[in-house]
Amino acid sequence: MTDETPTSADATETPATVALPDRLSIDPRSPYFDGDVLQAGIGVRFKGVEKFNVEEYCISEGWIRVPAGKAMDRYGRPLTIKLSGDVEVWVKG
């Protein structure tokens, strides 16, 4: 048979088959946190430049959140700023 539909053996989830969410956060307290997707390795390109310090992103609204220097809030978490522009996301690997 030359049918190219995936079989049950092909259904195992590899990094290339991880569905990327529209919005993702690295903060475990966020409703947009997804540990399985983060373990697959996500790359973020913002305005054509790859970013390595993204705390949260939203593709449809076109923004990312990044730390604002070394500033911390009273709980010891970094303060973030929201930057608007073109956001591209892919699975590394």
PDB file of N, CA and C in Angstrom:
ATOM      1  N   MET A   1       0.825  -1.173   0.000  1.00  0.00           N
ATOM      2  CA  MET A   1       0.000   0.000   0.000  1.00  0.00           C
ATOM      3  C   MET A   1       0.876   1.244   0.000  1.00  0.00           C
ATOM      4  N   THR A   2       0.569   2.208  -0.808  1.00  0.00           N
ATOM      5  CA  THR A   2       1.357   3.437  -0.864  1.00  0.00           C
ATOM      6  C   THR A   2       0.646   4.586  -0.182  1.00  0.00           C
ATOM      7  N   ASP A   3      -0.324   4.276   0.620  1.00  0.00           N
ATOM      8  CA  ASP A   3      -1.047   5.309   1.370  1.00  0.00           C
ATOM      9  C   ASP A   3      -0.095   5.937   2.388  1.00  0.00           C
ATOM     10  N   GLU A   4       0.003   7.268   2.417  1.00  0.00           N
ATOM     11  CA  GLU A   4       0.946   7.939   3.298  1.00  0.00           C
ATOM     12  C   GLU A   4       0.286   8.519   4.545  1.00  0.00           C
ATOM     13  N   THR A   5      -0.766   7.903   5.015  1.00  0.00           N
ATOM     14  CA  THR A   5      -1.387   8.353   6.251  1.00  0.00           C
ATOM     15  C   THR A   5      -0.585   7.802   7.413  1.00  0.00           C
ATOM     16  N   PRO A   6      -0.488   8.569   8.513  1.00  0.00           N
ATOM     17  CA  PRO A   6       0.306   8.090   9.646  1.00  0.00           C
ATOM     18  C   PRO A   6      -0.332   6.886  10.302  1.00  0.00           C
ATOM     19  N   THR A   7       0.490   5.943  10.701  1.00  0.00           N
ATOM     20  CA  THR A   7       0.017   4.767  11.414  1.00  0.00           C
ATOM     21  C   THR A   7       0.139   5.020  12.907  1.00  0.00           C
ATOM     22  N   SER A   8      -0.292   4.085  13.707  1.00  0.00           N
ATOM     23  CA  SER A   8      -0.201   4.263  15.152  1.00  0.00           C
ATOM     24  C   SER A   8       1.251   4.311  15.610  1.00  0.00           C
ATOM     25  N   ALA A   9       2.163   3.666  14.888  1.00  0.00           N
ATOM     26  CA  ALA A   9       3.581   3.728  15.243  1.00  0.00           C
ATOM     27  C   ALA A   9       4.135   5.124  14.972  1.00  0.00           C
ATOM     28  N   ASP A  10       3.584   5.838  13.982  1.00  0.00           N
ATOM     29  CA  ASP A  10       4.033   7.187  13.660  1.00  0.00           C
ATOM     30  C   ASP A  10       3.390   8.234  14.556  1.00  0.00           C
ATOM     31  N   ALA A  11       2.434   7.853  15.347  1.00  0.00           N
ATOM     32  CA  ALA A  11       1.675   8.803  16.154  1.00  0.00           C
ATOM     33  C   ALA A  11       2.416   9.245  17.414  1.00  0.00           C
ATOM     34  N   THR A  12       3.607   8.687  17.670  1.00  0.00           N
ATOM     35  CA  THR A  12       4.357   9.135  18.842  1.00  0.00           C
ATOM     36  C   THR A  12       4.735  10.584  18.655  1.00  0.00           C
ATOM     37  N   GLU A  13       4.691  11.325  19.722  1.00  0.00           N
ATOM     38  CA  GLU A  13       4.899  12.769  19.643  1.00  0.00           C
ATOM     39  C   GLU A  13       6.386  13.085  19.657  1.00  0.00           C
ATOM     40  N   THR A  14       6.864  13.654  18.586  1.00  0.00           N
ATOM     41  CA  THR A  14       8.245  14.102  18.479  1.00  0.00           C
ATOM     42  C   THR A  14       8.252  15.616  18.519  1.00  0.00           C
ATOM     43  N   PRO A  15       9.403  16.250  18.721  1.00  0.00           N
ATOM     44  CA  PRO A  15       9.436  17.707  18.763  1.00  0.00           C
ATOM     45  C   PRO A  15       8.872  18.359  17.512  1.00  0.00           C
ATOM     46  N   ALA A  16       8.954  17.702  16.365  1.00  0.00           N
ATOM     47  CA  ALA A  16       8.451  18.295  15.128  1.00  0.00           C
ATOM     48  C   ALA A  16       6.925  18.278  15.077  1.00  0.00           C
ATOM     49  N   THR A  17       6.267  17.412  15.873  1.00  0.00           N
ATOM     50  CA  THR A  17       4.818  17.310  15.804  1.00  0.00           C
ATOM     51  C   THR A  17       4.114  18.015  16.962  1.00  0.00           C
ATOM     52  N   VAL A  18       4.845  18.736  17.800  1.00  0.00           N
ATOM     53  CA  VAL A  18       4.237  19.455  18.908  1.00  0.00           C
ATOM     54  C   VAL A  18       3.446  20.638  18.351  1.00  0.00           C
ATOM     55  N   ALA A  19       2.185  20.733  18.730  1.00  0.00           N
ATOM     56  CA  ALA A  19       1.353  21.845  18.276  1.00  0.00           C
ATOM     57  C   ALA A  19       1.697  23.089  19.096  1.00  0.00           C
ATOM     58  N   LEU A  20       2.091  24.144  18.417  1.00  0.00           N
ATOM     59  CA  LEU A  20       2.466  25.374  19.106  1.00  0.00           C
ATOM     60  C   LEU A  20       1.222  26.194  19.435  1.00  0.00           C
ATOM     61  N   PRO A  21       1.063  26.578  20.699  1.00  0.00           N
ATOM     62  CA  PRO A  21      -0.099  27.387  21.071  1.00  0.00           C
ATOM     63  C   PRO A  21       0.063  28.829  20.598  1.00  0.00           C
ATOM     64  N   ASP A  22      -1.059  29.532  20.477  1.00  0.00           N
ATOM     65  CA  ASP A  22      -1.038  30.937  20.086  1.00  0.00           C
ATOM     66  C   ASP A  22      -0.385  31.788  21.162  1.00  0.00           C
ATOM     67  N   ARG A  23      -0.574  31.402  22.411  1.00  0.00           N
ATOM     68  CA  ARG A  23      -0.007  32.154  23.533  1.00  0.00           C
ATOM     69  C   ARG A  23       0.634  31.175  24.500  1.00  0.00           C
ATOM     70  N   LEU A  24       1.850  31.494  24.963  1.00  0.00           N
ATOM     71  CA  LEU A  24       2.580  30.594  25.847  1.00  0.00           C
ATOM     72  C   LEU A  24       3.376  31.404  26.851  1.00  0.00           C
ATOM     73  N   SER A  25       3.429  30.917  28.096  1.00  0.00           N
ATOM     74  CA  SER A  25       4.165  31.572  29.165  1.00  0.00           C
ATOM     75  C   SER A  25       5.082  30.565  29.837  1.00  0.00           C
ATOM     76  N   ILE A  26       6.229  31.032  30.363  1.00  0.00           N
ATOM     77  CA  ILE A  26       7.125  30.138  31.090  1.00  0.00           C
ATOM     78  C   ILE A  26       6.836  30.131  32.589  1.00  0.00           C
ATOM     79  N   ASP A  27       5.895  30.965  33.030  1.00  0.00           N
ATOM     80  CA  ASP A  27       5.532  31.055  34.448  1.00  0.00           C
ATOM     81  C   ASP A  27       4.524  29.953  34.782  1.00  0.00           C
ATOM     82  N   PRO A  28       4.862  29.025  35.686  1.00  0.00           N
ATOM     83  CA  PRO A  28       3.948  27.919  36.010  1.00  0.00           C
ATOM     84  C   PRO A  28       2.611  28.376  36.605  1.00  0.00           C
ATOM     85  N   ARG A  29       2.522  29.586  37.133  1.00  0.00           N
ATOM     86  CA  ARG A  29       1.264  30.072  37.709  1.00  0.00           C
ATOM     87  C   ARG A  29       0.328  30.640  36.646  1.00  0.00           C
ATOM     88  N   SER A  30       0.808  30.815  35.435  1.00  0.00           N
ATOM     89  CA  SER A  30       0.018  31.402  34.361  1.00  0.00           C
ATOM     90  C   SER A  30      -0.937  30.365  33.757  1.00  0.00           C
ATOM     91  N   PRO A  31      -2.130  30.794  33.336  1.00  0.00           N
ATOM     92  CA  PRO A  31      -3.032  29.853  32.648  1.00  0.00           C
ATOM     93  C   PRO A  31      -2.511  29.470  31.260  1.00  0.00           C
ATOM     94  N   TYR A  32      -1.501  30.161  30.752  1.00  0.00           N
ATOM     95  CA  TYR A  32      -0.949  29.888  29.430  1.00  0.00           C
ATOM     96  C   TYR A  32       0.340  29.065  29.502  1.00  0.00           C
ATOM     97  N   PHE A  33       0.644  28.514  30.659  1.00  0.00           N
ATOM     98  CA  PHE A  33       1.819  27.667  30.846  1.00  0.00           C
ATOM     99  C   PHE A  33       1.540  26.268  30.307  1.00  0.00           C
ATOM    100  N   ASP A  34       2.491  25.698  29.553  1.00  0.00           N
ATOM    101  CA  ASP A  34       2.381  24.327  29.052  1.00  0.00           C
ATOM    102  C   ASP A  34       3.770  23.696  29.101  1.00  0.00           C
ATOM    103  N   GLY A  35       4.019  22.907  30.114  1.00  0.00           N
ATOM    104  CA  GLY A  35       5.335  22.318  30.329  1.00  0.00           C
ATOM    105  C   GLY A  35       5.778  21.384  29.216  1.00  0.00           C
ATOM    106  N   ASP A  36       4.836  20.628  28.630  1.00  0.00           N
ATOM    107  CA  ASP A  36       5.191  19.694  27.562  1.00  0.00           C
ATOM    108  C   ASP A  36       5.730  20.422  26.337  1.00  0.00           C
ATOM    109  N   VAL A  37       5.111  21.527  25.985  1.00  0.00           N
ATOM    110  CA  VAL A  37       5.552  22.314  24.836  1.00  0.00           C
ATOM    111  C   VAL A  37       6.912  22.955  25.129  1.00  0.00           C
ATOM    112  N   LEU A  38       7.095  23.438  26.350  1.00  0.00           N
ATOM    113  CA  LEU A  38       8.362  24.068  26.707  1.00  0.00           C
ATOM    114  C   LEU A  38       9.513  23.069  26.697  1.00  0.00           C
ATOM    115  N   GLN A  39       9.265  21.828  27.103  1.00  0.00           N
ATOM    116  CA  GLN A  39      10.319  20.813  27.090  1.00  0.00           C
ATOM    117  C   GLN A  39      10.740  20.447  25.682  1.00  0.00           C
ATOM    118  N   ALA A  40       9.857  20.625  24.706  1.00  0.00           N
ATOM    119  CA  ALA A  40      10.196  20.320  23.317  1.00  0.00           C
ATOM    120  C   ALA A  40      11.216  21.312  22.775  1.00  0.00           C
ATOM    121  N   GLY A  41      11.294  22.487  23.386  1.00  0.00           N
ATOM    122  CA  GLY A  41      12.234  23.508  22.934  1.00  0.00           C
ATOM    123  C   GLY A  41      11.586  24.444  21.941  1.00  0.00           C
ATOM    124  N   ILE A  42      11.323  25.663  22.345  1.00  0.00           N
ATOM    125  CA  ILE A  42      10.651  26.651  21.516  1.00  0.00           C
ATOM    126  C   ILE A  42      11.631  27.759  21.150  1.00  0.00           C
ATOM    127  N   GLY A  43      11.611  28.143  19.901  1.00  0.00           N
ATOM    128  CA  GLY A  43      12.399  29.283  19.447  1.00  0.00           C
ATOM    129  C   GLY A  43      11.460  30.435  19.133  1.00  0.00           C
ATOM    130  N   VAL A  44      11.863  31.658  19.470  1.00  0.00           N
ATOM    131  CA  VAL A  44      11.042  32.840  19.229  1.00  0.00           C
ATOM    132  C   VAL A  44      11.861  33.854  18.442  1.00  0.00           C
ATOM    133  N   ARG A  45      11.284  34.311  17.345  1.00  0.00           N
ATOM    134  CA  ARG A  45      11.904  35.371  16.556  1.00  0.00           C
ATOM    135  C   ARG A  45      10.969  36.576  16.614  1.00  0.00           C
ATOM    136  N   PHE A  46      11.517  37.712  17.049  1.00  0.00           N
ATOM    137  CA  PHE A  46      10.737  38.940  17.196  1.00  0.00           C
ATOM    138  C   PHE A  46      11.338  40.003  16.290  1.00  0.00           C
ATOM    139  N   LYS A  47      10.539  40.499  15.360  1.00  0.00           N
ATOM    140  CA  LYS A  47      10.985  41.494  14.367  1.00  0.00           C
ATOM    141  C   LYS A  47      12.232  41.022  13.627  1.00  0.00           C
ATOM    142  N   GLY A  48      12.287  39.725  13.329  1.00  0.00           N
ATOM    143  CA  GLY A  48      13.392  39.167  12.564  1.00  0.00           C
ATOM    144  C   GLY A  48      14.623  38.801  13.362  1.00  0.00           C
ATOM    145  N   VAL A  49      14.619  39.010  14.680  1.00  0.00           N
ATOM    146  CA  VAL A  49      15.773  38.713  15.532  1.00  0.00           C
ATOM    147  C   VAL A  49      15.373  37.626  16.530  1.00  0.00           C
ATOM    148  N   GLU A  50      16.179  36.566  16.631  1.00  0.00           N
ATOM    149  CA  GLU A  50      15.887  35.500  17.576  1.00  0.00           C
ATOM    150  C   GLU A  50      16.122  35.990  19.004  1.00  0.00           C
ATOM    151  N   LYS A  51      15.144  35.760  19.866  1.00  0.00           N
ATOM    152  CA  LYS A  51      15.221  36.185  21.263  1.00  0.00           C
ATOM    153  C   LYS A  51      15.336  34.960  22.166  1.00  0.00           C
ATOM    154  N   PHE A  52      16.150  35.099  23.214  1.00  0.00           N
ATOM    155  CA  PHE A  52      16.368  33.995  24.143  1.00  0.00           C
ATOM    156  C   PHE A  52      15.839  34.294  25.542  1.00  0.00           C
ATOM    157  N   ASN A  53      15.299  35.493  25.773  1.00  0.00           N
ATOM    158  CA  ASN A  53      14.844  35.887  27.105  1.00  0.00           C
ATOM    159  C   ASN A  53      13.350  36.175  27.162  1.00  0.00           C
ATOM    160  N   VAL A  54      12.562  35.531  26.323  1.00  0.00           N
ATOM    161  CA  VAL A  54      11.123  35.777  26.263  1.00  0.00           C
ATOM    162  C   VAL A  54      10.419  35.057  27.409  1.00  0.00           C
ATOM    163  N   GLU A  55       9.635  35.811  28.179  1.00  0.00           N
ATOM    164  CA  GLU A  55       8.861  35.241  29.291  1.00  0.00           C
ATOM    165  C   GLU A  55       7.496  34.741  28.807  1.00  0.00           C
ATOM    166  N   GLU A  56       6.903  35.439  27.849  1.00  0.00           N
ATOM    167  CA  GLU A  56       5.575  35.102  27.339  1.00  0.00           C
ATOM    168  C   GLU A  56       5.440  35.688  25.940  1.00  0.00           C
ATOM    169  N   TYR A  57       4.646  35.019  25.096  1.00  0.00           N
ATOM    170  CA  TYR A  57       4.392  35.554  23.763  1.00  0.00           C
ATOM    171  C   TYR A  57       2.952  35.326  23.361  1.00  0.00           C
ATOM    172  N   CYS A  58       2.478  36.104  22.393  1.00  0.00           N
ATOM    173  CA  CYS A  58       1.163  35.916  21.787  1.00  0.00           C
ATOM    174  C   CYS A  58       1.318  36.205  20.295  1.00  0.00           C
ATOM    175  N   ILE A  59       1.106  35.197  19.477  1.00  0.00           N
ATOM    176  CA  ILE A  59       1.297  35.325  18.038  1.00  0.00           C
ATOM    177  C   ILE A  59       0.186  36.173  17.413  1.00  0.00           C
ATOM    178  N   SER A  60      -1.067  35.905  17.756  1.00  0.00           N
ATOM    179  CA  SER A  60      -2.187  36.597  17.114  1.00  0.00           C
ATOM    180  C   SER A  60      -2.219  38.092  17.442  1.00  0.00           C
ATOM    181  N   GLU A  61      -1.839  38.459  18.654  1.00  0.00           N
ATOM    182  CA  GLU A  61      -1.831  39.872  19.036  1.00  0.00           C
ATOM    183  C   GLU A  61      -0.500  40.548  18.716  1.00  0.00           C
ATOM    184  N   GLY A  62       0.539  39.771  18.420  1.00  0.00           N
ATOM    185  CA  GLY A  62       1.827  40.300  18.003  1.00  0.00           C
ATOM    186  C   GLY A  62       2.615  40.985  19.104  1.00  0.00           C
ATOM    187  N   TRP A  63       2.853  40.289  20.218  1.00  0.00           N
ATOM    188  CA  TRP A  63       3.662  40.862  21.298  1.00  0.00           C
ATOM    189  C   TRP A  63       4.429  39.777  22.031  1.00  0.00           C
ATOM    190  N   ILE A  64       5.484  40.218  22.735  1.00  0.00           N
ATOM    191  CA  ILE A  64       6.246  39.358  23.639  1.00  0.00           C
ATOM    192  C   ILE A  64       6.470  40.117  24.941  1.00  0.00           C
ATOM    193  N   ARG A  65       6.740  39.382  25.998  1.00  0.00           N
ATOM    194  CA  ARG A  65       7.123  39.982  27.280  1.00  0.00           C
ATOM    195  C   ARG A  65       8.548  39.550  27.583  1.00  0.00           C
ATOM    196  N   VAL A  66       9.385  40.530  27.894  1.00  0.00           N
ATOM    197  CA  VAL A  66      10.794  40.276  28.227  1.00  0.00           C
ATOM    198  C   VAL A  66      11.123  40.981  29.535  1.00  0.00           C
ATOM    199  N   PRO A  67      12.146  40.495  30.263  1.00  0.00           N
ATOM    200  CA  PRO A  67      12.542  41.162  31.511  1.00  0.00           C
ATOM    201  C   PRO A  67      13.008  42.589  31.250  1.00  0.00           C
ATOM    202  N   ALA A  68      12.691  43.485  32.189  1.00  0.00           N
ATOM    203  CA  ALA A  68      13.076  44.896  32.092  1.00  0.00           C
ATOM    204  C   ALA A  68      14.375  45.095  32.866  1.00  0.00           C
ATOM    205  N   GLY A  69      15.485  44.692  32.290  1.00  0.00           N
ATOM    206  CA  GLY A  69      16.779  44.835  32.954  1.00  0.00           C
ATOM    207  C   GLY A  69      16.890  43.926  34.158  1.00  0.00           C
ATOM    208  N   LYS A  70      17.449  44.460  35.238  1.00  0.00           N
ATOM    209  CA  LYS A  70      17.634  43.679  36.459  1.00  0.00           C
ATOM    210  C   LYS A  70      16.587  43.987  37.516  1.00  0.00           C
ATOM    211  N   ALA A  71      15.561  44.742  37.153  1.00  0.00           N
ATOM    212  CA  ALA A  71      14.521  45.133  38.104  1.00  0.00           C
ATOM    213  C   ALA A  71      13.710  43.914  38.550  1.00  0.00           C
ATOM    214  N   MET A  72      13.411  43.862  39.847  1.00  0.00           N
ATOM    215  CA  MET A  72      12.634  42.764  40.425  1.00  0.00           C
ATOM    216  C   MET A  72      11.431  43.327  41.168  1.00  0.00           C
ATOM    217  N   ASP A  73      10.360  42.525  41.221  1.00  0.00           N
ATOM    218  CA  ASP A  73       9.223  42.941  42.026  1.00  0.00           C
ATOM    219  C   ASP A  73       9.466  42.524  43.477  1.00  0.00           C
ATOM    220  N   ARG A  74       8.516  42.766  44.343  1.00  0.00           N
ATOM    221  CA  ARG A  74       8.739  42.487  45.768  1.00  0.00           C
ATOM    222  C   ARG A  74       8.775  41.000  46.101  1.00  0.00           C
ATOM    223  N   TYR A  75       8.399  40.151  45.115  1.00  0.00           N
ATOM    224  CA  TYR A  75       8.452  38.705  45.323  1.00  0.00           C
ATOM    225  C   TYR A  75       9.703  38.086  44.708  1.00  0.00           C
ATOM    226  N   GLY A  76      10.581  38.904  44.133  1.00  0.00           N
ATOM    227  CA  GLY A  76      11.821  38.416  43.562  1.00  0.00           C
ATOM    228  C   GLY A  76      11.726  37.967  42.115  1.00  0.00           C
ATOM    229  N   ARG A  77      10.598  38.235  41.462  1.00  0.00           N
ATOM    230  CA  ARG A  77      10.434  37.891  40.061  1.00  0.00           C
ATOM    231  C   ARG A  77      10.803  39.095  39.201  1.00  0.00           C
ATOM    232  N   PRO A  78      11.343  38.868  38.020  1.00  0.00           N
ATOM    233  CA  PRO A  78      11.731  40.004  37.178  1.00  0.00           C
ATOM    234  C   PRO A  78      10.521  40.783  36.673  1.00  0.00           C
ATOM    235  N   LEU A  79      10.667  42.118  36.633  1.00  0.00           N
ATOM    236  CA  LEU A  79       9.641  42.947  36.016  1.00  0.00           C
ATOM    237  C   LEU A  79       9.757  42.773  34.512  1.00  0.00           C
ATOM    238  N   THR A  80       8.620  42.753  33.823  1.00  0.00           N
ATOM    239  CA  THR A  80       8.639  42.541  32.376  1.00  0.00           C
ATOM    240  C   THR A  80       8.024  43.726  31.654  1.00  0.00           C
ATOM    241  N   ILE A  81       8.434  43.878  30.389  1.00  0.00           N
ATOM    242  CA  ILE A  81       7.822  44.878  29.522  1.00  0.00           C
ATOM    243  C   ILE A  81       7.257  44.162  28.310  1.00  0.00           C
ATOM    244  N   LYS A  82       6.212  44.753  27.745  1.00  0.00           N
ATOM    245  CA  LYS A  82       5.553  44.185  26.583  1.00  0.00           C
ATOM    246  C   LYS A  82       6.034  44.918  25.343  1.00  0.00           C
ATOM    247  N   LEU A  83       6.557  44.154  24.360  1.00  0.00           N
ATOM    248  CA  LEU A  83       7.028  44.714  23.107  1.00  0.00           C
ATOM    249  C   LEU A  83       6.112  44.238  21.982  1.00  0.00           C
ATOM    250  N   SER A  84       5.705  45.123  21.108  1.00  0.00           N
ATOM    251  CA  SER A  84       4.807  44.789  20.019  1.00  0.00           C
ATOM    252  C   SER A  84       5.572  44.688  18.702  1.00  0.00           C
ATOM    253  N   GLY A  85       5.192  43.721  17.882  1.00  0.00           N
ATOM    254  CA  GLY A  85       5.821  43.537  16.580  1.00  0.00           C
ATOM    255  C   GLY A  85       5.511  42.142  16.036  1.00  0.00           C
ATOM    256  N   ASP A  86       6.192  41.783  14.948  1.00  0.00           N
ATOM    257  CA  ASP A  86       5.993  40.474  14.330  1.00  0.00           C
ATOM    258  C   ASP A  86       6.631  39.387  15.189  1.00  0.00           C
ATOM    259  N   VAL A  87       5.852  38.338  15.487  1.00  0.00           N
ATOM    260  CA  VAL A  87       6.324  37.222  16.321  1.00  0.00           C
ATOM    261  C   VAL A  87       6.260  35.943  15.510  1.00  0.00           C
ATOM    262  N   GLU A  88       7.384  35.215  15.440  1.00  0.00           N
ATOM    263  CA  GLU A  88       7.443  33.910  14.803  1.00  0.00           C
ATOM    264  C   GLU A  88       7.905  32.901  15.851  1.00  0.00           C
ATOM    265  N   VAL A  89       7.272  31.729  15.864  1.00  0.00           N
ATOM    266  CA  VAL A  89       7.596  30.711  16.855  1.00  0.00           C
ATOM    267  C   VAL A  89       7.789  29.380  16.122  1.00  0.00           C
ATOM    268  N   TRP A  90       8.776  28.589  16.560  1.00  0.00           N
ATOM    269  CA  TRP A  90       9.023  27.282  15.964  1.00  0.00           C
ATOM    270  C   TRP A  90       9.546  26.335  17.021  1.00  0.00           C
ATOM    271  N   VAL A  91       9.511  25.051  16.704  1.00  0.00           N
ATOM    272  CA  VAL A  91      10.051  24.024  17.589  1.00  0.00           C
ATOM    273  C   VAL A  91      11.501  23.800  17.215  1.00  0.00           C
ATOM    274  N   LYS A  92      12.390  23.906  18.190  1.00  0.00           N
ATOM    275  CA  LYS A  92      13.811  23.679  17.937  1.00  0.00           C
ATOM    276  C   LYS A  92      14.072  22.186  17.799  1.00  0.00           C
ATOM    277  N   GLY A  93      15.066  21.847  17.022  1.00  0.00           N
ATOM    278  CA  GLY A  93      15.442  20.444  16.931  1.00  0.00           C
ATOM    279  C   GLY A  93      15.238  19.847  15.654  1.00  0.00           C
TER     280      GLY A  93
END
